[in-house]
Amino acid sequence: MKRREFIALLGCWAATWPIAARAQQSDRMRRIAVLMLNAEDDQEGQARVAAFRQGLQALGWTEGKNLRIDWYWTAGDVERIRSDVRELAAHPPDIIVANGRPILSEAVQVIHSIPIVFVLVNDPVGEGFISSLARPGGNVTGFTFFEYTMFGKSLELLKKVAPAVRRVGLMSYGPETSDLFWRSASYVDRILKGANPAELPAQAPAKFEFAINLKTAMTLGLTVPPTAIALADEVIE
């Protein structure tokens, strides 16, 4: 082969190599670890898991084909959380999903290089987990749980039902937790495809639920006006 032909062939190979490399990378099995604050038999926890799986499937990730998920059900046990975190530090996955403040708090003390996506964590900036919501920095980003401004919204709704009430035990207004797990799949997807968690903004809840317990209202001798019931996502009778 002549020198000119060899250089041309080498150029063609170099041009196609990144495409082949990316294809090979996307085809290989990726591993993520999900640390849940719930017990495994908890109904709410299973709903969150289902939403997370649906989010991943919608983005082309299939368990057993190109993705392996290791589930850690801690039931809020601090010692168990610490043990699981130590195990993951010794056998690192591609990404860790940390559900809740207790898990994230333990994880950031031990794990500094594995990307961590947190879900349902209050005030991650104030807690020192990330530098800012816009630019988290480090290896941690994710989805916050409760915006403190929602307390005002909750009281506003309560005043519609019982203007004279001084204690709250009756209605709830807050983020839909399954939606946050579904959305967190998008960050897992982006990080697996090369995104830097330090540059992915931490996100606040986008979907909220308003529930009214009519049984409690009746016990308290309150009549919930139809206008408030019409606003509710769930009415408990």
C-alpha atoms as a PDB file:
ATOM      1  CA  MET A   1       0.000   0.000   0.000  1.00  0.00           C
ATOM      2  CA  LYS A   2       1.282   3.427  -0.945  1.00  0.00           C
ATOM      3  CA  ARG A   3       1.887   6.064   1.733  1.00  0.00           C
ATOM      4  CA  ARG A   4      -0.895   8.359   0.408  1.00  0.00           C
ATOM      5  CA  GLU A   5      -3.439   5.511   0.387  1.00  0.00           C
ATOM      6  CA  PHE A   6      -2.427   4.497   3.905  1.00  0.00           C
ATOM      7  CA  ILE A   7      -2.927   8.049   5.244  1.00  0.00           C
ATOM      8  CA  ALA A   8      -6.358   8.266   3.580  1.00  0.00           C
ATOM      9  CA  LEU A   9      -7.369   4.914   5.070  1.00  0.00           C
ATOM     10  CA  LEU A  10      -6.122   5.986   8.495  1.00  0.00           C
ATOM     11  CA  GLY A  11      -8.144   9.209   8.228  1.00  0.00           C
ATOM     12  CA  CYS A  12     -11.327   7.305   7.405  1.00  0.00           C
ATOM     13  CA  TRP A  13     -10.801   4.953  10.346  1.00  0.00           C
ATOM     14  CA  ALA A  14     -10.161   7.856  12.728  1.00  0.00           C
ATOM     15  CA  ALA A  15     -13.338   9.600  11.586  1.00  0.00           C
ATOM     16  CA  THR A  16     -15.515   6.550  12.200  1.00  0.00           C
ATOM     17  CA  TRP A  17     -13.863   5.509  15.493  1.00  0.00           C
ATOM     18  CA  PRO A  18     -15.766   7.912  17.799  1.00  0.00           C
ATOM     19  CA  ILE A  19     -19.085   6.681  16.380  1.00  0.00           C
ATOM     20  CA  ALA A  20     -18.111   3.061  16.899  1.00  0.00           C
ATOM     21  CA  ALA A  21     -16.821   3.819  20.389  1.00  0.00           C
ATOM     22  CA  ARG A  22     -20.039   5.539  21.381  1.00  0.00           C
ATOM     23  CA  ALA A  23     -22.082   2.663  20.017  1.00  0.00           C
ATOM     24  CA  GLN A  24     -20.000   0.158  21.956  1.00  0.00           C
ATOM     25  CA  GLN A  25     -20.337   2.238  25.133  1.00  0.00           C
ATOM     26  CA  SER A  26     -24.128   2.523  24.814  1.00  0.00           C
ATOM     27  CA  ASP A  27     -24.480  -1.215  24.221  1.00  0.00           C
ATOM     28  CA  ARG A  28     -22.552  -2.304  27.304  1.00  0.00           C
ATOM     29  CA  MET A  29     -24.391  -3.085  30.520  1.00  0.00           C
ATOM     30  CA  ARG A  30     -24.467  -0.083  32.865  1.00  0.00           C
ATOM     31  CA  ARG A  31     -24.988  -0.456  36.608  1.00  0.00           C
ATOM     32  CA  ILE A  32     -26.827   1.904  38.911  1.00  0.00           C
ATOM     33  CA  ALA A  33     -27.501   1.533  42.629  1.00  0.00           C
ATOM     34  CA  VAL A  34     -30.709   2.915  44.146  1.00  0.00           C
ATOM     35  CA  LEU A  35     -30.780   3.434  47.900  1.00  0.00           C
ATOM     36  CA  MET A  36     -34.380   3.720  49.073  1.00  0.00           C
ATOM     37  CA  LEU A  37     -35.416   5.179  52.418  1.00  0.00           C
ATOM     38  CA  ASN A  38     -38.510   2.940  52.404  1.00  0.00           C
ATOM     39  CA  ALA A  39     -38.883  -0.689  53.415  1.00  0.00           C
ATOM     40  CA  GLU A  40     -39.250  -3.043  50.459  1.00  0.00           C
ATOM     41  CA  ASP A  41     -42.904  -3.839  51.261  1.00  0.00           C
ATOM     42  CA  ASP A  42     -43.856  -0.161  51.540  1.00  0.00           C
ATOM     43  CA  GLN A  43     -46.579   0.698  49.023  1.00  0.00           C
ATOM     44  CA  GLU A  44     -45.358   4.259  48.443  1.00  0.00           C
ATOM     45  CA  GLY A  45     -41.820   2.994  47.905  1.00  0.00           C
ATOM     46  CA  GLN A  46     -42.985   0.527  45.267  1.00  0.00           C
ATOM     47  CA  ALA A  47     -44.904   3.295  43.482  1.00  0.00           C
ATOM     48  CA  ARG A  48     -41.722   5.371  43.356  1.00  0.00           C
ATOM     49  CA  VAL A  49     -39.756   2.425  41.972  1.00  0.00           C
ATOM     50  CA  ALA A  50     -42.366   1.845  39.262  1.00  0.00           C
ATOM     51  CA  ALA A  51     -42.220   5.494  38.212  1.00  0.00           C
ATOM     52  CA  PHE A  52     -38.414   5.421  38.107  1.00  0.00           C
ATOM     53  CA  ARG A  53     -38.406   2.301  35.953  1.00  0.00           C
ATOM     54  CA  GLN A  54     -40.969   3.802  33.575  1.00  0.00           C
ATOM     55  CA  GLY A  55     -38.831   6.910  33.214  1.00  0.00           C
ATOM     56  CA  LEU A  56     -35.771   4.851  32.345  1.00  0.00           C
ATOM     57  CA  GLN A  57     -37.641   2.642  29.881  1.00  0.00           C
ATOM     58  CA  ALA A  58     -38.968   5.698  28.086  1.00  0.00           C
ATOM     59  CA  LEU A  59     -35.360   6.786  27.566  1.00  0.00           C
ATOM     60  CA  GLY A  60     -34.246   3.444  26.144  1.00  0.00           C
ATOM     61  CA  TRP A  61     -32.843   1.732  29.249  1.00  0.00           C
ATOM     62  CA  THR A  62     -33.951  -1.863  29.724  1.00  0.00           C
ATOM     63  CA  GLU A  63     -33.062  -3.897  32.799  1.00  0.00           C
ATOM     64  CA  GLY A  64     -31.177  -7.033  31.867  1.00  0.00           C
ATOM     65  CA  LYS A  65     -30.265  -5.669  28.437  1.00  0.00           C
ATOM     66  CA  ASN A  66     -28.268  -2.457  28.820  1.00  0.00           C
ATOM     67  CA  LEU A  67     -28.953  -1.689  32.466  1.00  0.00           C
ATOM     68  CA  ARG A  68     -28.597  -3.366  35.828  1.00  0.00           C
ATOM     69  CA  ILE A  69     -30.271  -1.836  38.881  1.00  0.00           C
ATOM     70  CA  ASP A  70     -29.243  -2.860  42.384  1.00  0.00           C
ATOM     71  CA  TRP A  71     -31.941  -1.937  44.902  1.00  0.00           C
ATOM     72  CA  TYR A  72     -31.087  -1.209  48.537  1.00  0.00           C
ATOM     73  CA  TRP A  73     -34.115  -0.995  50.839  1.00  0.00           C
ATOM     74  CA  THR A  74     -32.880   0.589  54.054  1.00  0.00           C
ATOM     75  CA  ALA A  75     -36.185   1.196  55.907  1.00  0.00           C
ATOM     76  CA  GLY A  76     -34.559   4.295  57.364  1.00  0.00           C
ATOM     77  CA  ASP A  77     -32.063   2.247  59.396  1.00  0.00           C
ATOM     78  CA  VAL A  78     -28.927   4.400  59.735  1.00  0.00           C
ATOM     79  CA  GLU A  79     -26.571   1.472  60.328  1.00  0.00           C
ATOM     80  CA  ARG A  80     -27.929  -0.312  57.315  1.00  0.00           C
ATOM     81  CA  ILE A  81     -27.535   2.844  55.222  1.00  0.00           C
ATOM     82  CA  ARG A  82     -23.901   3.154  56.310  1.00  0.00           C
ATOM     83  CA  SER A  83     -23.224  -0.494  55.496  1.00  0.00           C
ATOM     84  CA  ASP A  84     -24.778  -0.147  52.028  1.00  0.00           C
ATOM     85  CA  VAL A  85     -22.794   3.028  51.333  1.00  0.00           C
ATOM     86  CA  ARG A  86     -19.530   1.326  52.325  1.00  0.00           C
ATOM     87  CA  GLU A  87     -20.363  -1.577  50.015  1.00  0.00           C
ATOM     88  CA  LEU A  88     -20.961   0.793  47.101  1.00  0.00           C
ATOM     89  CA  ALA A  89     -17.737   2.661  47.809  1.00  0.00           C
ATOM     90  CA  ALA A  90     -15.874  -0.653  47.581  1.00  0.00           C
ATOM     91  CA  HIS A  91     -17.725  -1.828  44.465  1.00  0.00           C
ATOM     92  CA  PRO A  92     -18.651   1.376  42.608  1.00  0.00           C
ATOM     93  CA  PRO A  93     -21.620   1.449  40.233  1.00  0.00           C
ATOM     94  CA  ASP A  94     -21.876   3.950  37.382  1.00  0.00           C
ATOM     95  CA  ILE A  95     -24.380   6.082  39.325  1.00  0.00           C
ATOM     96  CA  ILE A  96     -25.957   6.134  42.773  1.00  0.00           C
ATOM     97  CA  VAL A  97     -29.541   7.309  43.288  1.00  0.00           C
ATOM     98  CA  ALA A  98     -30.023   8.474  46.883  1.00  0.00           C
ATOM     99  CA  ASN A  99     -33.598   8.753  48.174  1.00  0.00           C
ATOM    100  CA  GLY A 100     -33.869  11.142  51.105  1.00  0.00           C
ATOM    101  CA  ARG A 101     -31.624  13.229  53.320  1.00  0.00           C
ATOM    102  CA  PRO A 102     -30.385  10.428  55.675  1.00  0.00           C
ATOM    103  CA  ILE A 103     -29.056   8.426  52.738  1.00  0.00           C
ATOM    104  CA  LEU A 104     -27.515  11.392  50.940  1.00  0.00           C
ATOM    105  CA  SER A 105     -25.888  12.592  54.153  1.00  0.00           C
ATOM    106  CA  GLU A 106     -24.114   9.269  54.632  1.00  0.00           C
ATOM    107  CA  ALA A 107     -23.235   8.892  50.945  1.00  0.00           C
ATOM    108  CA  VAL A 108     -21.484  12.264  50.515  1.00  0.00           C
ATOM    109  CA  GLN A 109     -19.206  11.540  53.469  1.00  0.00           C
ATOM    110  CA  VAL A 110     -17.782   8.436  51.821  1.00  0.00           C
ATOM    111  CA  ILE A 111     -18.327   8.735  48.076  1.00  0.00           C
ATOM    112  CA  HIS A 112     -16.632  11.589  46.225  1.00  0.00           C
ATOM    113  CA  SER A 113     -16.175  10.415  42.643  1.00  0.00           C
ATOM    114  CA  ILE A 114     -19.265   8.366  41.783  1.00  0.00           C
ATOM    115  CA  PRO A 115     -22.111  10.538  40.413  1.00  0.00           C
ATOM    116  CA  ILE A 116     -24.983  10.804  42.898  1.00  0.00           C
ATOM    117  CA  VAL A 117     -28.540  11.788  41.933  1.00  0.00           C
ATOM    118  CA  PHE A 118     -30.599  12.611  45.005  1.00  0.00           C
ATOM    119  CA  VAL A 119     -34.397  12.488  45.175  1.00  0.00           C
ATOM    120  CA  LEU A 120     -36.700  13.996  47.826  1.00  0.00           C
ATOM    121  CA  VAL A 121     -34.109  16.009  49.740  1.00  0.00           C
ATOM    122  CA  ASN A 122     -35.030  19.286  51.446  1.00  0.00           C
ATOM    123  CA  ASP A 123     -32.726  22.313  51.178  1.00  0.00           C
ATOM    124  CA  PRO A 124     -29.639  20.589  49.663  1.00  0.00           C
ATOM    125  CA  VAL A 125     -27.782  23.917  49.510  1.00  0.00           C
ATOM    126  CA  GLY A 126     -28.436  24.771  53.158  1.00  0.00           C
ATOM    127  CA  GLU A 127     -27.405  21.250  54.158  1.00  0.00           C
ATOM    128  CA  GLY A 128     -24.121  21.668  52.297  1.00  0.00           C
ATOM    129  CA  PHE A 129     -24.717  18.838  49.833  1.00  0.00           C
ATOM    130  CA  ILE A 130     -24.358  21.103  46.779  1.00  0.00           C
ATOM    131  CA  SER A 131     -22.924  24.572  46.153  1.00  0.00           C
ATOM    132  CA  SER A 132     -26.037  26.020  44.501  1.00  0.00           C
ATOM    133  CA  LEU A 133     -29.184  24.887  42.766  1.00  0.00           C
ATOM    134  CA  ALA A 134     -28.021  26.282  39.416  1.00  0.00           C
ATOM    135  CA  ARG A 135     -24.521  24.793  39.541  1.00  0.00           C
ATOM    136  CA  PRO A 136     -24.318  22.036  42.142  1.00  0.00           C
ATOM    137  CA  GLY A 137     -20.586  21.404  41.747  1.00  0.00           C
ATOM    138  CA  GLY A 138     -18.884  18.145  42.718  1.00  0.00           C
ATOM    139  CA  ASN A 139     -20.471  14.786  42.018  1.00  0.00           C
ATOM    140  CA  VAL A 140     -23.977  15.465  43.387  1.00  0.00           C
ATOM    141  CA  THR A 141     -27.191  16.815  41.829  1.00  0.00           C
ATOM    142  CA  GLY A 142     -30.835  15.875  41.901  1.00  0.00           C
ATOM    143  CA  PHE A 143     -34.398  16.747  42.806  1.00  0.00           C
ATOM    144  CA  THR A 144     -35.493  18.576  45.912  1.00  0.00           C
ATOM    145  CA  PHE A 145     -38.656  17.694  47.827  1.00  0.00           C
ATOM    146  CA  PHE A 146     -40.235  20.537  49.734  1.00  0.00           C
ATOM    147  CA  GLU A 147     -40.213  24.216  48.920  1.00  0.00           C
ATOM    148  CA  TYR A 148     -40.754  26.218  52.097  1.00  0.00           C
ATOM    149  CA  THR A 149     -43.049  28.602  50.212  1.00  0.00           C
ATOM    150  CA  MET A 150     -45.549  25.747  50.044  1.00  0.00           C
ATOM    151  CA  PHE A 151     -46.321  26.220  53.734  1.00  0.00           C
ATOM    152  CA  GLY A 152     -48.002  29.474  52.764  1.00  0.00           C
ATOM    153  CA  LYS A 153     -50.038  27.699  50.084  1.00  0.00           C
ATOM    154  CA  SER A 154     -51.112  25.043  52.579  1.00  0.00           C
ATOM    155  CA  LEU A 155     -52.318  27.652  55.062  1.00  0.00           C
ATOM    156  CA  GLU A 156     -54.123  29.515  52.300  1.00  0.00           C
ATOM    157  CA  LEU A 157     -56.051  26.358  51.410  1.00  0.00           C
ATOM    158  CA  LEU A 158     -56.774  25.670  55.059  1.00  0.00           C
ATOM    159  CA  LYS A 159     -58.215  29.150  55.549  1.00  0.00           C
ATOM    160  CA  LYS A 160     -60.699  28.481  52.761  1.00  0.00           C
ATOM    161  CA  VAL A 161     -62.112  25.565  54.748  1.00  0.00           C
ATOM    162  CA  ALA A 162     -61.799  26.773  58.340  1.00  0.00           C
ATOM    163  CA  PRO A 163     -60.975  30.482  58.726  1.00  0.00           C
ATOM    164  CA  ALA A 164     -60.878  30.265  62.534  1.00  0.00           C
ATOM    165  CA  VAL A 165     -58.704  27.150  62.841  1.00  0.00           C
ATOM    166  CA  ARG A 166     -55.431  27.456  64.744  1.00  0.00           C
ATOM    167  CA  ARG A 167     -54.066  23.904  64.368  1.00  0.00           C
ATOM    168  CA  VAL A 168     -53.373  22.023  61.130  1.00  0.00           C
ATOM    169  CA  GLY A 169     -54.423  17.709  61.039  1.00  0.00           C
ATOM    170  CA  LEU A 170     -56.945  17.960  58.005  1.00  0.00           C
ATOM    171  CA  MET A 171     -55.436  18.580  54.468  1.00  0.00           C
ATOM    172  CA  SER A 172     -52.139  18.084  52.679  1.00  0.00           C
ATOM    173  CA  TYR A 173     -50.553  19.937  49.795  1.00  0.00           C
ATOM    174  CA  GLY A 174     -47.198  18.782  48.562  1.00  0.00           C
ATOM    175  CA  PRO A 175     -45.085  17.347  45.753  1.00  0.00           C
ATOM    176  CA  GLU A 176     -46.071  14.132  44.046  1.00  0.00           C
ATOM    177  CA  THR A 177     -43.156  11.913  44.977  1.00  0.00           C
ATOM    178  CA  SER A 178     -43.577   9.416  42.142  1.00  0.00           C
ATOM    179  CA  ASP A 179     -43.274  12.249  39.630  1.00  0.00           C
ATOM    180  CA  LEU A 180     -39.926  13.242  41.141  1.00  0.00           C
ATOM    181  CA  PHE A 181     -38.660   9.674  40.760  1.00  0.00           C
ATOM    182  CA  TRP A 182     -39.885   9.592  37.170  1.00  0.00           C
ATOM    183  CA  ARG A 183     -38.048  12.848  36.443  1.00  0.00           C
ATOM    184  CA  SER A 184     -34.864  11.654  38.151  1.00  0.00           C
ATOM    185  CA  ALA A 185     -34.525   9.001  35.440  1.00  0.00           C
ATOM    186  CA  SER A 186     -33.717  11.811  32.991  1.00  0.00           C
ATOM    187  CA  TYR A 187     -30.627  12.785  35.008  1.00  0.00           C
ATOM    188  CA  VAL A 188     -29.523   9.172  35.269  1.00  0.00           C
ATOM    189  CA  ASP A 189     -29.852   8.946  31.499  1.00  0.00           C
ATOM    190  CA  ARG A 190     -27.889  12.141  30.889  1.00  0.00           C
ATOM    191  CA  ILE A 191     -25.067  11.183  33.248  1.00  0.00           C
ATOM    192  CA  LEU A 192     -24.779   7.707  31.729  1.00  0.00           C
ATOM    193  CA  LYS A 193     -24.400   9.459  28.373  1.00  0.00           C
ATOM    194  CA  GLY A 194     -21.574  11.648  29.626  1.00  0.00           C
ATOM    195  CA  ALA A 195     -23.159  14.663  31.358  1.00  0.00           C
ATOM    196  CA  ASN A 196     -21.325  16.136  34.342  1.00  0.00           C
ATOM    197  CA  PRO A 197     -23.510  16.177  37.504  1.00  0.00           C
ATOM    198  CA  ALA A 198     -21.733  19.341  38.630  1.00  0.00           C
ATOM    199  CA  GLU A 199     -23.348  21.177  35.712  1.00  0.00           C
ATOM    200  CA  LEU A 200     -26.866  19.718  35.965  1.00  0.00           C
ATOM    201  CA  PRO A 201     -29.058  22.134  37.970  1.00  0.00           C
ATOM    202  CA  ALA A 202     -30.813  20.699  40.990  1.00  0.00           C
ATOM    203  CA  GLN A 203     -34.533  20.817  40.265  1.00  0.00           C
ATOM    204  CA  ALA A 204     -37.556  21.605  42.415  1.00  0.00           C
ATOM    205  CA  PRO A 205     -40.871  19.712  42.320  1.00  0.00           C
ATOM    206  CA  ALA A 206     -43.073  20.477  39.347  1.00  0.00           C
ATOM    207  CA  LYS A 207     -46.203  18.464  40.169  1.00  0.00           C
ATOM    208  CA  PHE A 208     -48.188  18.818  43.384  1.00  0.00           C
ATOM    209  CA  GLU A 209     -51.091  17.029  45.034  1.00  0.00           C
ATOM    210  CA  PHE A 210     -53.863  18.483  47.186  1.00  0.00           C
ATOM    211  CA  ALA A 211     -55.759  16.026  49.382  1.00  0.00           C
ATOM    212  CA  ILE A 212     -58.713  16.619  51.709  1.00  0.00           C
ATOM    213  CA  ASN A 213     -59.820  14.208  54.421  1.00  0.00           C
ATOM    214  CA  LEU A 214     -63.600  14.663  54.712  1.00  0.00           C
ATOM    215  CA  LYS A 215     -63.747  12.127  57.542  1.00  0.00           C
ATOM    216  CA  THR A 216     -61.407  14.275  59.617  1.00  0.00           C
ATOM    217  CA  ALA A 217     -63.384  17.377  58.704  1.00  0.00           C
ATOM    218  CA  MET A 218     -66.581  15.733  59.914  1.00  0.00           C
ATOM    219  CA  THR A 219     -64.913  14.721  63.186  1.00  0.00           C
ATOM    220  CA  LEU A 220     -63.869  18.338  63.715  1.00  0.00           C
ATOM    221  CA  GLY A 221     -67.355  19.568  62.871  1.00  0.00           C
ATOM    222  CA  LEU A 222     -66.169  21.348  59.732  1.00  0.00           C
ATOM    223  CA  THR A 223     -67.966  21.656  56.410  1.00  0.00           C
ATOM    224  CA  VAL A 224     -65.613  21.662  53.458  1.00  0.00           C
ATOM    225  CA  PRO A 225     -66.955  24.040  50.791  1.00  0.00           C
ATOM    226  CA  PRO A 226     -67.432  22.666  47.261  1.00  0.00           C
ATOM    227  CA  THR A 227     -64.875  25.165  45.929  1.00  0.00           C
ATOM    228  CA  ALA A 228     -62.147  23.517  48.033  1.00  0.00           C
ATOM    229  CA  ILE A 229     -63.250  19.995  47.099  1.00  0.00           C
ATOM    230  CA  ALA A 230     -63.122  20.964  43.431  1.00  0.00           C
ATOM    231  CA  LEU A 231     -59.438  21.891  43.821  1.00  0.00           C
ATOM    232  CA  ALA A 232     -58.489  18.577  45.438  1.00  0.00           C
ATOM    233  CA  ASP A 233     -56.590  15.829  43.597  1.00  0.00           C
ATOM    234  CA  GLU A 234     -57.743  13.310  46.203  1.00  0.00           C
ATOM    235  CA  VAL A 235     -60.782  13.385  48.481  1.00  0.00           C
ATOM    236  CA  ILE A 236     -60.773  10.921  51.394  1.00  0.00           C
ATOM    237  CA  GLU A 237     -64.305  10.112  52.499  1.00  0.00           C
END
